[in-house]
Amino acid sequence: MNLLIKLLITTVLIVVIAHFFPGISVDNFSTALIVAVVLGLLNVFIKPILVLFTIPATILTLGLFLLVINAVIIMLADYFVDGFHVNGFWIAFLFSIVLSVFQSVLNKILVDEK
């Protein structure tokens, strides 16, 4: 049940953030749902591989390179999902930061009430 709530939170956040960011577009709610699923799958399967390959850069930047990896994951989602468009790396970088912050806050408020 928590997974479905987190998926819906991410979907709503994608729609809302895309509405306010000029470089991001999402066609409709179902596309945002697909983007949320794809982001989840990319974070499970691709992100650990990227983190493993970039350990030296991550250590050298004291972990800040993980923000770049998050932006790359967003751009991969743009590549895989029709109807979701990101206009460049820096927009994906900002989108990933805003999405992560709001996901953390809303998941803490709505899901982690134990």
Protein backbone atom coordinates (compact mmCIF):
# COMPACT_ATOMS: atom_id res chain seq x y z
CA MET A 1 0.00 0.00 0.00
CA ASN A 2 2.85 2.38 0.83
CA LEU A 3 4.33 1.77 -2.62
CA LEU A 4 1.09 2.87 -4.31
CA ILE A 5 0.90 5.99 -2.15
CA LYS A 6 4.52 6.87 -2.96
CA LEU A 7 3.83 6.27 -6.66
CA LEU A 8 0.81 8.59 -6.57
CA ILE A 9 2.80 11.24 -4.68
CA THR A 10 5.53 11.10 -7.31
CA THR A 11 2.97 11.25 -10.12
CA VAL A 12 1.24 14.33 -8.70
CA LEU A 13 4.60 16.00 -8.04
CA ILE A 14 5.71 15.39 -11.62
CA VAL A 15 2.55 17.04 -12.95
CA VAL A 16 2.79 20.00 -10.56
CA ILE A 17 6.51 20.61 -11.03
CA ALA A 18 6.19 20.31 -14.82
CA HIS A 19 3.47 22.95 -14.68
CA PHE A 20 5.82 25.44 -12.98
CA PHE A 21 9.10 24.60 -14.77
CA PRO A 22 9.21 26.05 -18.29
CA GLY A 23 11.62 23.40 -19.63
CA ILE A 24 9.58 20.36 -18.66
CA SER A 25 6.38 19.12 -20.20
CA VAL A 26 4.10 16.21 -19.38
CA ASP A 27 1.20 15.48 -21.71
CA ASN A 28 -1.27 14.14 -19.15
CA PHE A 29 -1.67 12.40 -15.81
CA SER A 30 -1.26 8.91 -17.24
CA THR A 31 2.04 9.94 -18.81
CA ALA A 32 3.16 11.26 -15.42
CA LEU A 33 2.21 7.91 -13.89
CA ILE A 34 4.33 6.12 -16.48
CA VAL A 35 7.21 8.55 -15.77
CA ALA A 36 6.93 7.80 -12.05
CA VAL A 37 7.09 4.04 -12.71
CA VAL A 38 10.02 4.44 -15.12
CA LEU A 39 11.88 6.66 -12.62
CA GLY A 40 11.34 4.02 -9.95
CA LEU A 41 12.65 1.26 -12.21
CA LEU A 42 15.63 3.33 -13.31
CA ASN A 43 16.44 4.13 -9.69
CA VAL A 44 16.32 0.44 -8.79
CA PHE A 45 18.27 -1.00 -11.74
CA ILE A 46 20.40 1.70 -13.41
CA LYS A 47 21.27 4.11 -10.59
CA PRO A 48 23.30 1.58 -8.53
CA ILE A 49 25.40 0.79 -11.60
CA LEU A 50 26.02 4.49 -12.25
CA VAL A 51 26.90 5.06 -8.60
CA LEU A 52 29.33 2.14 -8.67
CA PHE A 53 31.10 3.44 -11.78
CA THR A 54 31.34 6.99 -10.43
CA ILE A 55 32.57 6.26 -6.91
CA PRO A 56 35.80 8.28 -7.40
CA ALA A 57 33.89 11.35 -8.63
CA THR A 58 31.36 10.96 -5.83
CA ILE A 59 34.09 10.77 -3.19
CA LEU A 60 35.99 13.68 -4.72
CA THR A 61 32.86 15.89 -4.69
CA LEU A 62 31.78 14.69 -1.25
CA GLY A 63 28.62 13.11 -2.64
CA LEU A 64 27.45 16.03 -4.77
CA PHE A 65 27.99 14.03 -7.93
CA LEU A 66 24.92 11.99 -6.96
CA LEU A 67 22.87 15.05 -7.99
CA VAL A 68 24.33 14.69 -11.48
CA ILE A 69 23.39 11.00 -11.49
CA ASN A 70 19.82 11.96 -10.53
CA ALA A 71 19.71 14.39 -13.47
CA VAL A 72 20.95 11.65 -15.80
CA ILE A 73 18.15 9.37 -14.52
CA ILE A 74 15.61 12.12 -15.32
CA MET A 75 17.06 12.48 -18.81
CA LEU A 76 16.86 8.71 -19.31
CA ALA A 77 13.19 8.83 -18.33
CA ASP A 78 12.76 11.57 -20.94
CA TYR A 79 14.32 9.26 -23.51
CA PHE A 80 12.12 6.27 -22.65
CA VAL A 81 8.72 7.94 -22.14
CA ASP A 82 6.87 9.64 -24.97
CA GLY A 83 4.95 12.66 -23.73
CA PHE A 84 7.58 13.63 -21.13
CA HIS A 85 10.13 16.15 -22.34
CA VAL A 86 13.05 17.81 -20.55
CA ASN A 87 14.88 20.64 -22.31
CA GLY A 88 18.44 20.02 -21.22
CA PHE A 89 20.66 18.88 -18.43
CA TRP A 90 20.29 21.88 -16.11
CA ILE A 91 16.51 21.71 -16.19
CA ALA A 92 16.74 17.99 -15.38
CA PHE A 93 19.20 18.83 -12.59
CA LEU A 94 16.82 21.37 -11.01
CA PHE A 95 13.81 19.10 -11.57
CA SER A 96 15.54 16.21 -9.80
CA ILE A 97 16.43 18.39 -6.81
CA VAL A 98 12.91 19.82 -6.47
CA LEU A 99 11.31 16.41 -6.98
CA SER A 100 13.57 14.79 -4.38
CA VAL A 101 12.94 17.47 -1.77
CA PHE A 102 9.16 17.41 -2.19
CA GLN A 103 9.09 13.60 -2.31
CA SER A 104 10.99 13.46 0.97
CA VAL A 105 8.68 15.94 2.67
CA LEU A 106 5.42 14.44 1.41
CA ASN A 107 6.50 10.85 2.00
CA LYS A 108 7.44 11.78 5.56
CA ILE A 109 4.07 13.47 6.12
CA LEU A 110 1.76 11.03 4.31
CA VAL A 111 3.47 7.64 4.43
CA ASP A 112 5.83 7.41 7.41
CA GLU A 113 3.32 8.09 10.15
CA LYS A 114 4.09 5.10 12.38
